[in-house]
Amino acid sequence: MNSPFPEDPAITPGLAPGRPEAGTPTTPEQDGAAIAATPAGRVALGIAYRGLRYHGWQSQPDGNTVQDKLERALAEFVGLPRGEVVPTVCAGRTDAGVHALNQVVHFDAPVAREIFSWVRGTNRYLPEDIAVQWARNVEPGFHARNGARGRRYAFLVRESAVRPAIEAGLCGWVFRPLDLDDMRAAAQALIGEHDFSAFRSSQCQALSPVKQMRRIEINRIGDYWRFDFEASAFLHHMVRNLMGCLLAVGSGTRSPEWVSEVLAARDRKVAAPTFAPDGLYFLGPTYDAELDIPREVAALNWLP
């Protein structure tokens, strides 16, 4: 039987907008019916992106956010009219310049598709610095944000006399030597459940400043430092404000005990300035194991 699709090498059967998967030849009338097929239900995606060119995750009127690019790409893949989007909900909104390796989103699919086609098909319409990593069918009650049990971030910092060039925007920069033991001692005061108001931006919309910090690891790799944070959730600018304080301790400007004083003060004015977003990576959220939401993606092995 001849394929109903044109002999176009740029089109992969089953991945074009509004078309079914390969191996299911149809007539043009059936192609149109596929767009109006019974909804596939709720789908979860893992998204990786380099945040340098975007105004953060959350949709904005200018359309230059990761959410805007993703929602339009999904709409193009399923063949929605120009100007329409497929609404998504993310696990954690990132700021301008912040990167993500495994941002988790969910959406209610307007058409039925094979699960992996959501990966390859959507990626056809995304810019090169945003890519879907995986897809899962999930229950209707799954919620990417509310269902997350924790979130993980990593911060990369280069310690050198001169600023980065090749890795500009992909790592932070300090020119003063840092002390590992002092920073680790300061980080210990942050472990546990605390009121993190001193590390919260004035624009933060979280209902409560109380979060549980589960893990902070600090390691040096040559001229680079890696800071890992895992908590129940994070406040707006919380990781960047923590970094400002830890780096103040590491450079000798403040003592390790000072971080405990900042935490107890619950006052943003007594903490260090917010560190730049360069080098901040959202590693992704964590969920109950039975949901089968991937925690590992290839880009995690790319970070030092």
C-alpha atoms as a PDB file:
ATOM      1  CA  MET A   1       0.000   0.000   0.000  1.00  0.00           C
ATOM      2  CA  ASN A   2       1.329   3.467  -0.879  1.00  0.00           C
ATOM      3  CA  SER A   3       1.969   5.844   1.989  1.00  0.00           C
ATOM      4  CA  PRO A   4      -0.538   8.713   2.252  1.00  0.00           C
ATOM      5  CA  PHE A   5       2.312  11.013   3.273  1.00  0.00           C
ATOM      6  CA  PRO A   6       4.422  12.949   0.746  1.00  0.00           C
ATOM      7  CA  GLU A   7       7.908  11.726  -0.097  1.00  0.00           C
ATOM      8  CA  ASP A   8       9.558  14.450   1.957  1.00  0.00           C
ATOM      9  CA  PRO A   9      12.741  13.443   3.837  1.00  0.00           C
ATOM     10  CA  ALA A  10      12.232  16.338   6.238  1.00  0.00           C
ATOM     11  CA  ILE A  11       9.009  14.756   7.517  1.00  0.00           C
ATOM     12  CA  THR A  12       9.173  11.737   9.787  1.00  0.00           C
ATOM     13  CA  PRO A  13       5.961   9.683   9.504  1.00  0.00           C
ATOM     14  CA  GLY A  14       3.972   9.857  12.712  1.00  0.00           C
ATOM     15  CA  LEU A  15       5.650  13.053  13.888  1.00  0.00           C
ATOM     16  CA  ALA A  16       4.015  15.684  11.684  1.00  0.00           C
ATOM     17  CA  PRO A  17       1.267  17.880  13.171  1.00  0.00           C
ATOM     18  CA  GLY A  18      -2.105  16.195  13.370  1.00  0.00           C
ATOM     19  CA  ARG A  19      -0.864  12.896  11.933  1.00  0.00           C
ATOM     20  CA  PRO A  20      -0.883   9.450  13.538  1.00  0.00           C
ATOM     21  CA  GLU A  21       2.129   7.286  14.241  1.00  0.00           C
ATOM     22  CA  ALA A  22       4.022   5.441  11.541  1.00  0.00           C
ATOM     23  CA  GLY A  23       2.515   2.144  10.474  1.00  0.00           C
ATOM     24  CA  THR A  24      -1.105   3.378  10.524  1.00  0.00           C
ATOM     25  CA  PRO A  25      -1.876   4.588   6.963  1.00  0.00           C
ATOM     26  CA  THR A  26      -4.941   6.790   6.699  1.00  0.00           C
ATOM     27  CA  THR A  27      -6.920   8.847   4.236  1.00  0.00           C
ATOM     28  CA  PRO A  28      -6.927  12.666   4.447  1.00  0.00           C
ATOM     29  CA  GLU A  29     -10.379  12.447   6.048  1.00  0.00           C
ATOM     30  CA  GLN A  30      -8.985  10.150   8.730  1.00  0.00           C
ATOM     31  CA  ASP A  31      -6.079  12.516   9.264  1.00  0.00           C
ATOM     32  CA  GLY A  32      -8.576  15.234  10.135  1.00  0.00           C
ATOM     33  CA  ALA A  33     -10.439  12.889  12.452  1.00  0.00           C
ATOM     34  CA  ALA A  34      -7.185  12.174  14.315  1.00  0.00           C
ATOM     35  CA  ILE A  35      -6.985  15.798  15.432  1.00  0.00           C
ATOM     36  CA  ALA A  36     -10.391  15.457  17.055  1.00  0.00           C
ATOM     37  CA  ALA A  37      -9.651  12.013  18.495  1.00  0.00           C
ATOM     38  CA  THR A  38     -10.420  11.098  22.099  1.00  0.00           C
ATOM     39  CA  PRO A  39      -7.924  12.997  24.274  1.00  0.00           C
ATOM     40  CA  ALA A  40      -4.894  10.996  25.314  1.00  0.00           C
ATOM     41  CA  GLY A  41      -5.286  12.181  28.897  1.00  0.00           C
ATOM     42  CA  ARG A  42      -2.654  13.801  31.057  1.00  0.00           C
ATOM     43  CA  VAL A  43       0.974  13.627  29.924  1.00  0.00           C
ATOM     44  CA  ALA A  44       4.147  14.490  31.852  1.00  0.00           C
ATOM     45  CA  LEU A  45       7.307  15.707  30.106  1.00  0.00           C
ATOM     46  CA  GLY A  46      10.894  16.233  31.215  1.00  0.00           C
ATOM     47  CA  ILE A  47      12.343  19.446  29.744  1.00  0.00           C
ATOM     48  CA  ALA A  48      15.966  20.588  29.531  1.00  0.00           C
ATOM     49  CA  TYR A  49      16.877  24.143  28.609  1.00  0.00           C
ATOM     50  CA  ARG A  50      19.663  26.674  28.619  1.00  0.00           C
ATOM     51  CA  GLY A  51      18.169  29.782  30.143  1.00  0.00           C
ATOM     52  CA  LEU A  52      20.487  32.458  28.733  1.00  0.00           C
ATOM     53  CA  ARG A  53      18.172  33.692  25.970  1.00  0.00           C
ATOM     54  CA  TYR A  54      14.894  33.553  27.896  1.00  0.00           C
ATOM     55  CA  HIS A  55      13.084  35.628  30.495  1.00  0.00           C
ATOM     56  CA  GLY A  56      12.713  32.655  32.787  1.00  0.00           C
ATOM     57  CA  TRP A  57      10.155  29.865  32.720  1.00  0.00           C
ATOM     58  CA  GLN A  58       6.821  31.605  33.306  1.00  0.00           C
ATOM     59  CA  SER A  59       4.855  32.892  30.321  1.00  0.00           C
ATOM     60  CA  GLN A  60       5.095  36.644  29.647  1.00  0.00           C
ATOM     61  CA  PRO A  61       3.426  38.983  27.139  1.00  0.00           C
ATOM     62  CA  ASP A  62       6.547  39.193  24.962  1.00  0.00           C
ATOM     63  CA  GLY A  63       6.500  35.408  24.494  1.00  0.00           C
ATOM     64  CA  ASN A  64      10.219  35.014  25.196  1.00  0.00           C
ATOM     65  CA  THR A  65      10.027  32.439  27.974  1.00  0.00           C
ATOM     66  CA  VAL A  66      10.569  28.697  28.061  1.00  0.00           C
ATOM     67  CA  GLN A  67       6.902  28.069  28.835  1.00  0.00           C
ATOM     68  CA  ASP A  68       5.837  30.159  25.826  1.00  0.00           C
ATOM     69  CA  LYS A  69       8.166  28.242  23.495  1.00  0.00           C
ATOM     70  CA  LEU A  70       7.060  24.849  24.824  1.00  0.00           C
ATOM     71  CA  GLU A  71       3.324  25.529  24.733  1.00  0.00           C
ATOM     72  CA  ARG A  72       3.493  26.810  21.169  1.00  0.00           C
ATOM     73  CA  ALA A  73       5.650  23.848  20.074  1.00  0.00           C
ATOM     74  CA  LEU A  74       3.097  21.418  21.512  1.00  0.00           C
ATOM     75  CA  ALA A  75       0.329  23.263  19.682  1.00  0.00           C
ATOM     76  CA  GLU A  76       2.209  23.118  16.381  1.00  0.00           C
ATOM     77  CA  PHE A  77       2.898  19.425  16.807  1.00  0.00           C
ATOM     78  CA  VAL A  78      -0.770  18.531  17.287  1.00  0.00           C
ATOM     79  CA  GLY A  79      -1.908  20.912  14.559  1.00  0.00           C
ATOM     80  CA  LEU A  80      -3.749  23.581  16.548  1.00  0.00           C
ATOM     81  CA  PRO A  81      -4.461  26.872  14.755  1.00  0.00           C
ATOM     82  CA  ARG A  82      -1.815  29.583  14.873  1.00  0.00           C
ATOM     83  CA  GLY A  83      -2.065  31.579  18.086  1.00  0.00           C
ATOM     84  CA  GLU A  84      -3.388  28.687  20.167  1.00  0.00           C
ATOM     85  CA  VAL A  85      -1.272  26.900  22.756  1.00  0.00           C
ATOM     86  CA  VAL A  86      -1.350  23.733  24.857  1.00  0.00           C
ATOM     87  CA  PRO A  87      -1.313  24.941  28.508  1.00  0.00           C
ATOM     88  CA  THR A  88       1.347  23.419  30.772  1.00  0.00           C
ATOM     89  CA  VAL A  89       2.073  23.360  34.504  1.00  0.00           C
ATOM     90  CA  CYS A  90       5.692  23.100  35.689  1.00  0.00           C
ATOM     91  CA  ALA A  91       7.312  21.746  38.836  1.00  0.00           C
ATOM     92  CA  GLY A  92       9.308  24.885  39.594  1.00  0.00           C
ATOM     93  CA  ARG A  93       9.475  28.280  37.904  1.00  0.00           C
ATOM     94  CA  THR A  94      13.031  29.351  37.064  1.00  0.00           C
ATOM     95  CA  ASP A  95      14.327  32.917  36.711  1.00  0.00           C
ATOM     96  CA  ALA A  96      15.888  34.531  33.659  1.00  0.00           C
ATOM     97  CA  GLY A  97      19.296  33.033  32.958  1.00  0.00           C
ATOM     98  CA  VAL A  98      18.672  29.886  35.033  1.00  0.00           C
ATOM     99  CA  HIS A  99      19.051  26.508  33.341  1.00  0.00           C
ATOM    100  CA  ALA A 100      17.150  23.244  33.837  1.00  0.00           C
ATOM    101  CA  LEU A 101      18.145  19.648  33.215  1.00  0.00           C
ATOM    102  CA  ASN A 102      14.925  17.876  34.160  1.00  0.00           C
ATOM    103  CA  GLN A 103      12.111  20.390  34.550  1.00  0.00           C
ATOM    104  CA  VAL A 104       8.880  18.385  34.849  1.00  0.00           C
ATOM    105  CA  VAL A 105       5.634  19.656  33.329  1.00  0.00           C
ATOM    106  CA  HIS A 106       2.187  18.213  32.771  1.00  0.00           C
ATOM    107  CA  PHE A 107      -0.539  19.005  30.257  1.00  0.00           C
ATOM    108  CA  ASP A 108      -3.839  17.545  29.118  1.00  0.00           C
ATOM    109  CA  ALA A 109      -3.276  16.226  25.613  1.00  0.00           C
ATOM    110  CA  PRO A 110      -5.800  17.524  23.060  1.00  0.00           C
ATOM    111  CA  VAL A 111      -5.201  14.498  20.786  1.00  0.00           C
ATOM    112  CA  ALA A 112      -4.100  10.885  21.131  1.00  0.00           C
ATOM    113  CA  ARG A 113      -0.455  10.150  20.336  1.00  0.00           C
ATOM    114  CA  GLU A 114       2.074   7.394  20.929  1.00  0.00           C
ATOM    115  CA  ILE A 115       3.953   8.432  24.048  1.00  0.00           C
ATOM    116  CA  PHE A 116       7.416   8.816  22.495  1.00  0.00           C
ATOM    117  CA  SER A 117       6.044  10.953  19.684  1.00  0.00           C
ATOM    118  CA  TRP A 118       5.512  13.701  22.269  1.00  0.00           C
ATOM    119  CA  VAL A 119       9.312  13.791  22.599  1.00  0.00           C
ATOM    120  CA  ARG A 120      10.456  13.760  18.988  1.00  0.00           C
ATOM    121  CA  GLY A 121       7.429  15.557  17.597  1.00  0.00           C
ATOM    122  CA  THR A 122       7.535  18.464  20.031  1.00  0.00           C
ATOM    123  CA  ASN A 123      11.305  18.835  19.683  1.00  0.00           C
ATOM    124  CA  ARG A 124      10.866  19.528  15.953  1.00  0.00           C
ATOM    125  CA  TYR A 125       9.265  22.853  16.863  1.00  0.00           C
ATOM    126  CA  LEU A 126      11.506  23.888  19.762  1.00  0.00           C
ATOM    127  CA  PRO A 127      14.666  26.036  19.523  1.00  0.00           C
ATOM    128  CA  GLU A 128      17.956  24.220  19.862  1.00  0.00           C
ATOM    129  CA  ASP A 129      18.467  25.232  23.504  1.00  0.00           C
ATOM    130  CA  ILE A 130      15.162  23.706  24.697  1.00  0.00           C
ATOM    131  CA  ALA A 131      14.416  19.989  24.341  1.00  0.00           C
ATOM    132  CA  VAL A 132      11.947  17.436  25.671  1.00  0.00           C
ATOM    133  CA  GLN A 133      13.912  14.578  27.273  1.00  0.00           C
ATOM    134  CA  TRP A 134      11.149  12.064  28.038  1.00  0.00           C
ATOM    135  CA  ALA A 135       7.370  11.644  28.179  1.00  0.00           C
ATOM    136  CA  ARG A 136       5.038   9.612  30.408  1.00  0.00           C
ATOM    137  CA  ASN A 137       1.310   8.977  30.503  1.00  0.00           C
ATOM    138  CA  VAL A 138       0.149   9.892  34.015  1.00  0.00           C
ATOM    139  CA  GLU A 139      -3.076   9.692  35.964  1.00  0.00           C
ATOM    140  CA  PRO A 140      -5.570  12.583  35.633  1.00  0.00           C
ATOM    141  CA  GLY A 141      -4.798  13.657  39.203  1.00  0.00           C
ATOM    142  CA  PHE A 142      -1.036  13.976  38.646  1.00  0.00           C
ATOM    143  CA  HIS A 143       0.194  17.534  39.246  1.00  0.00           C
ATOM    144  CA  ALA A 144       3.783  18.447  38.373  1.00  0.00           C
ATOM    145  CA  ARG A 145       4.020  21.165  41.036  1.00  0.00           C
ATOM    146  CA  ASN A 146       1.759  20.021  43.856  1.00  0.00           C
ATOM    147  CA  GLY A 147       2.797  16.374  43.601  1.00  0.00           C
ATOM    148  CA  ALA A 148       6.533  17.029  43.941  1.00  0.00           C
ATOM    149  CA  ARG A 149       8.070  15.790  47.201  1.00  0.00           C
ATOM    150  CA  GLY A 150      11.249  17.791  46.801  1.00  0.00           C
ATOM    151  CA  ARG A 151      13.398  19.781  44.395  1.00  0.00           C
ATOM    152  CA  ARG A 152      17.088  19.763  43.536  1.00  0.00           C
ATOM    153  CA  TYR A 153      19.418  22.515  42.335  1.00  0.00           C
ATOM    154  CA  ALA A 154      23.118  22.691  41.517  1.00  0.00           C
ATOM    155  CA  PHE A 155      25.265  25.809  41.292  1.00  0.00           C
ATOM    156  CA  LEU A 156      28.576  25.848  39.406  1.00  0.00           C
ATOM    157  CA  VAL A 157      31.146  28.521  40.263  1.00  0.00           C
ATOM    158  CA  ARG A 158      34.564  29.171  38.793  1.00  0.00           C
ATOM    159  CA  GLU A 159      37.297  30.464  41.107  1.00  0.00           C
ATOM    160  CA  SER A 160      39.909  32.327  39.086  1.00  0.00           C
ATOM    161  CA  ALA A 161      41.641  35.680  38.703  1.00  0.00           C
ATOM    162  CA  VAL A 162      39.943  36.277  35.333  1.00  0.00           C
ATOM    163  CA  ARG A 163      36.314  35.956  34.323  1.00  0.00           C
ATOM    164  CA  PRO A 164      34.990  32.964  32.334  1.00  0.00           C
ATOM    165  CA  ALA A 165      34.694  33.125  28.555  1.00  0.00           C
ATOM    166  CA  ILE A 166      33.818  29.710  27.087  1.00  0.00           C
ATOM    167  CA  GLU A 167      31.548  28.941  30.043  1.00  0.00           C
ATOM    168  CA  ALA A 168      30.174  32.477  30.381  1.00  0.00           C
ATOM    169  CA  GLY A 169      26.584  32.268  31.593  1.00  0.00           C
ATOM    170  CA  LEU A 170      26.994  28.584  32.403  1.00  0.00           C
ATOM    171  CA  CYS A 171      28.888  29.067  35.662  1.00  0.00           C
ATOM    172  CA  GLY A 172      29.264  31.748  38.302  1.00  0.00           C
ATOM    173  CA  TRP A 173      32.564  33.494  38.987  1.00  0.00           C
ATOM    174  CA  VAL A 174      34.539  34.513  42.079  1.00  0.00           C
ATOM    175  CA  PHE A 175      38.085  35.898  42.027  1.00  0.00           C
ATOM    176  CA  ARG A 176      38.866  35.419  45.721  1.00  0.00           C
ATOM    177  CA  PRO A 177      40.034  31.991  46.994  1.00  0.00           C
ATOM    178  CA  LEU A 178      37.287  30.012  48.760  1.00  0.00           C
ATOM    179  CA  ASP A 179      37.624  27.910  51.906  1.00  0.00           C
ATOM    180  CA  LEU A 180      35.839  24.561  51.653  1.00  0.00           C
ATOM    181  CA  ASP A 181      35.736  23.772  55.376  1.00  0.00           C
ATOM    182  CA  ASP A 182      34.258  27.148  56.305  1.00  0.00           C
ATOM    183  CA  MET A 183      31.526  26.875  53.677  1.00  0.00           C
ATOM    184  CA  ARG A 184      30.632  23.343  54.722  1.00  0.00           C
ATOM    185  CA  ALA A 185      30.432  24.427  58.356  1.00  0.00           C
ATOM    186  CA  ALA A 186      28.139  27.326  57.439  1.00  0.00           C
ATOM    187  CA  ALA A 187      25.931  25.058  55.320  1.00  0.00           C
ATOM    188  CA  GLN A 188      25.280  22.755  58.284  1.00  0.00           C
ATOM    189  CA  ALA A 189      23.278  25.497  60.001  1.00  0.00           C
ATOM    190  CA  LEU A 190      20.834  25.484  57.087  1.00  0.00           C
ATOM    191  CA  ILE A 191      19.985  21.775  57.237  1.00  0.00           C
ATOM    192  CA  GLY A 192      16.546  20.956  58.642  1.00  0.00           C
ATOM    193  CA  GLU A 193      13.211  22.760  58.748  1.00  0.00           C
ATOM    194  CA  HIS A 194      13.589  26.518  59.104  1.00  0.00           C
ATOM    195  CA  ASP A 195      11.987  29.831  58.347  1.00  0.00           C
ATOM    196  CA  PHE A 196      14.057  30.993  55.355  1.00  0.00           C
ATOM    197  CA  SER A 197      12.687  34.547  55.252  1.00  0.00           C
ATOM    198  CA  ALA A 198      16.238  35.952  55.255  1.00  0.00           C
ATOM    199  CA  PHE A 199      16.823  34.247  51.912  1.00  0.00           C
ATOM    200  CA  ARG A 200      13.496  35.159  50.307  1.00  0.00           C
ATOM    201  CA  SER A 201      13.007  37.861  47.665  1.00  0.00           C
ATOM    202  CA  SER A 202      10.429  40.596  48.149  1.00  0.00           C
ATOM    203  CA  GLN A 203       8.559  39.271  45.082  1.00  0.00           C
ATOM    204  CA  CYS A 204       8.183  35.758  46.522  1.00  0.00           C
ATOM    205  CA  GLN A 205       4.587  34.502  46.399  1.00  0.00           C
ATOM    206  CA  ALA A 206       5.026  31.377  48.530  1.00  0.00           C
ATOM    207  CA  LEU A 207       2.404  30.983  51.240  1.00  0.00           C
ATOM    208  CA  SER A 208       4.993  30.096  53.871  1.00  0.00           C
ATOM    209  CA  PRO A 209       8.742  30.773  54.249  1.00  0.00           C
ATOM    210  CA  VAL A 210       9.186  27.531  56.195  1.00  0.00           C
ATOM    211  CA  LYS A 211      10.973  24.877  54.130  1.00  0.00           C
ATOM    212  CA  GLN A 212      12.944  21.731  54.900  1.00  0.00           C
ATOM    213  CA  MET A 213      16.531  21.804  53.656  1.00  0.00           C
ATOM    214  CA  ARG A 214      17.493  18.149  53.250  1.00  0.00           C
ATOM    215  CA  ARG A 215      20.954  18.304  51.780  1.00  0.00           C
ATOM    216  CA  ILE A 216      23.731  20.740  50.890  1.00  0.00           C
ATOM    217  CA  GLU A 217      26.915  19.340  49.351  1.00  0.00           C
ATOM    218  CA  ILE A 218      29.923  21.444  48.386  1.00  0.00           C
ATOM    219  CA  ASN A 219      32.780  20.045  46.312  1.00  0.00           C
ATOM    220  CA  ARG A 220      35.729  21.417  44.373  1.00  0.00           C
ATOM    221  CA  ILE A 221      36.716  20.155  40.925  1.00  0.00           C
ATOM    222  CA  GLY A 222      39.914  21.909  39.840  1.00  0.00           C
ATOM    223  CA  ASP A 223      39.084  25.611  39.528  1.00  0.00           C
ATOM    224  CA  TYR A 224      35.355  24.894  39.717  1.00  0.00           C
ATOM    225  CA  TRP A 225      33.038  24.535  42.679  1.00  0.00           C
ATOM    226  CA  ARG A 226      29.760  22.647  42.708  1.00  0.00           C
ATOM    227  CA  PHE A 227      27.075  23.378  45.301  1.00  0.00           C
ATOM    228  CA  ASP A 228      24.132  20.938  45.491  1.00  0.00           C
ATOM    229  CA  PHE A 229      20.898  21.830  47.283  1.00  0.00           C
ATOM    230  CA  GLU A 230      17.909  19.585  47.943  1.00  0.00           C
ATOM    231  CA  ALA A 231      14.834  20.780  49.848  1.00  0.00           C
ATOM    232  CA  SER A 232      11.122  20.223  50.165  1.00  0.00           C
ATOM    233  CA  ALA A 233      10.694  23.399  48.098  1.00  0.00           C
ATOM    234  CA  PHE A 234      12.504  26.679  47.488  1.00  0.00           C
ATOM    235  CA  LEU A 235      11.478  30.311  47.834  1.00  0.00           C
ATOM    236  CA  HIS A 236      11.990  32.880  45.088  1.00  0.00           C
ATOM    237  CA  HIS A 237      15.745  33.623  44.767  1.00  0.00           C
ATOM    238  CA  MET A 238      16.411  31.346  47.742  1.00  0.00           C
ATOM    239  CA  VAL A 239      19.308  29.410  46.186  1.00  0.00           C
ATOM    240  CA  ARG A 240      20.928  32.567  44.820  1.00  0.00           C
ATOM    241  CA  ASN A 241      20.634  34.253  48.237  1.00  0.00           C
ATOM    242  CA  LEU A 242      22.083  31.197  49.964  1.00  0.00           C
ATOM    243  CA  MET A 243      24.955  31.265  47.501  1.00  0.00           C
ATOM    244  CA  GLY A 244      25.659  34.919  48.278  1.00  0.00           C
ATOM    245  CA  CYS A 245      26.018  34.065  51.965  1.00  0.00           C
ATOM    246  CA  LEU A 246      28.053  30.884  51.494  1.00  0.00           C
ATOM    247  CA  LEU A 247      30.468  32.649  49.156  1.00  0.00           C
ATOM    248  CA  ALA A 248      30.847  35.504  51.653  1.00  0.00           C
ATOM    249  CA  VAL A 249      31.897  32.902  54.210  1.00  0.00           C
ATOM    250  CA  GLY A 250      34.144  31.071  51.754  1.00  0.00           C
ATOM    251  CA  SER A 251      35.995  34.232  50.804  1.00  0.00           C
ATOM    252  CA  GLY A 252      36.611  35.137  54.466  1.00  0.00           C
ATOM    253  CA  THR A 253      34.349  38.195  54.467  1.00  0.00           C
ATOM    254  CA  ARG A 254      32.088  36.529  57.048  1.00  0.00           C
ATOM    255  CA  SER A 255      32.521  33.775  59.626  1.00  0.00           C
ATOM    256  CA  PRO A 256      30.712  30.428  59.349  1.00  0.00           C
ATOM    257  CA  GLU A 257      28.650  31.348  62.428  1.00  0.00           C
ATOM    258  CA  TRP A 258      27.278  34.398  60.629  1.00  0.00           C
ATOM    259  CA  VAL A 259      24.999  32.228  58.463  1.00  0.00           C
ATOM    260  CA  SER A 260      23.233  30.985  61.615  1.00  0.00           C
ATOM    261  CA  GLU A 261      22.694  34.598  62.660  1.00  0.00           C
ATOM    262  CA  VAL A 262      21.228  35.479  59.256  1.00  0.00           C
ATOM    263  CA  LEU A 263      18.872  32.499  59.385  1.00  0.00           C
ATOM    264  CA  ALA A 264      17.676  33.415  62.885  1.00  0.00           C
ATOM    265  CA  ALA A 265      17.143  37.081  61.957  1.00  0.00           C
ATOM    266  CA  ARG A 266      14.535  36.178  59.305  1.00  0.00           C
ATOM    267  CA  ASP A 267      15.345  39.490  57.646  1.00  0.00           C
ATOM    268  CA  ARG A 268      16.519  39.715  54.031  1.00  0.00           C
ATOM    269  CA  LYS A 269      18.370  42.967  54.787  1.00  0.00           C
ATOM    270  CA  VAL A 270      20.980  41.236  56.956  1.00  0.00           C
ATOM    271  CA  ALA A 271      21.974  38.646  54.336  1.00  0.00           C
ATOM    272  CA  ALA A 272      24.465  38.958  51.493  1.00  0.00           C
ATOM    273  CA  PRO A 273      23.470  40.337  48.083  1.00  0.00           C
ATOM    274  CA  THR A 274      21.733  37.963  45.672  1.00  0.00           C
ATOM    275  CA  PHE A 275      24.294  36.078  43.590  1.00  0.00           C
ATOM    276  CA  ALA A 276      23.985  36.225  39.784  1.00  0.00           C
ATOM    277  CA  PRO A 277      21.964  33.421  38.112  1.00  0.00           C
ATOM    278  CA  ASP A 278      24.931  32.295  35.993  1.00  0.00           C
ATOM    279  CA  GLY A 279      25.665  28.695  36.882  1.00  0.00           C
ATOM    280  CA  LEU A 280      22.333  27.837  38.522  1.00  0.00           C
ATOM    281  CA  TYR A 281      20.759  24.587  37.296  1.00  0.00           C
ATOM    282  CA  PHE A 282      17.382  23.172  38.267  1.00  0.00           C
ATOM    283  CA  LEU A 283      18.148  19.453  38.403  1.00  0.00           C
ATOM    284  CA  GLY A 284      14.480  18.585  38.766  1.00  0.00           C
ATOM    285  CA  PRO A 285      11.805  17.601  41.260  1.00  0.00           C
ATOM    286  CA  THR A 286      11.334  14.288  43.056  1.00  0.00           C
ATOM    287  CA  TYR A 287       8.088  12.319  43.276  1.00  0.00           C
ATOM    288  CA  ASP A 288       6.749   9.182  44.913  1.00  0.00           C
ATOM    289  CA  ALA A 289       8.433   6.173  43.285  1.00  0.00           C
ATOM    290  CA  GLU A 290       5.180   4.578  42.137  1.00  0.00           C
ATOM    291  CA  LEU A 291       4.563   7.506  39.766  1.00  0.00           C
ATOM    292  CA  ASP A 292       7.583   6.398  37.675  1.00  0.00           C
ATOM    293  CA  ILE A 293       8.732   9.950  36.937  1.00  0.00           C
ATOM    294  CA  PRO A 294      12.386   9.848  35.750  1.00  0.00           C
ATOM    295  CA  ARG A 295      14.957  11.449  38.031  1.00  0.00           C
ATOM    296  CA  GLU A 296      17.976  10.826  35.800  1.00  0.00           C
ATOM    297  CA  VAL A 297      18.631  12.414  32.403  1.00  0.00           C
ATOM    298  CA  ALA A 298      21.769  12.486  30.270  1.00  0.00           C
ATOM    299  CA  ALA A 299      22.579  16.141  31.025  1.00  0.00           C
ATOM    300  CA  LEU A 300      23.109  15.303  34.703  1.00  0.00           C
ATOM    301  CA  ASN A 301      26.307  13.553  33.614  1.00  0.00           C
ATOM    302  CA  TRP A 302      27.389  16.649  31.678  1.00  0.00           C
ATOM    303  CA  LEU A 303      27.725  18.771  34.809  1.00  0.00           C
ATOM    304  CA  PRO A 304      31.095  18.423  36.545  1.00  0.00           C
END
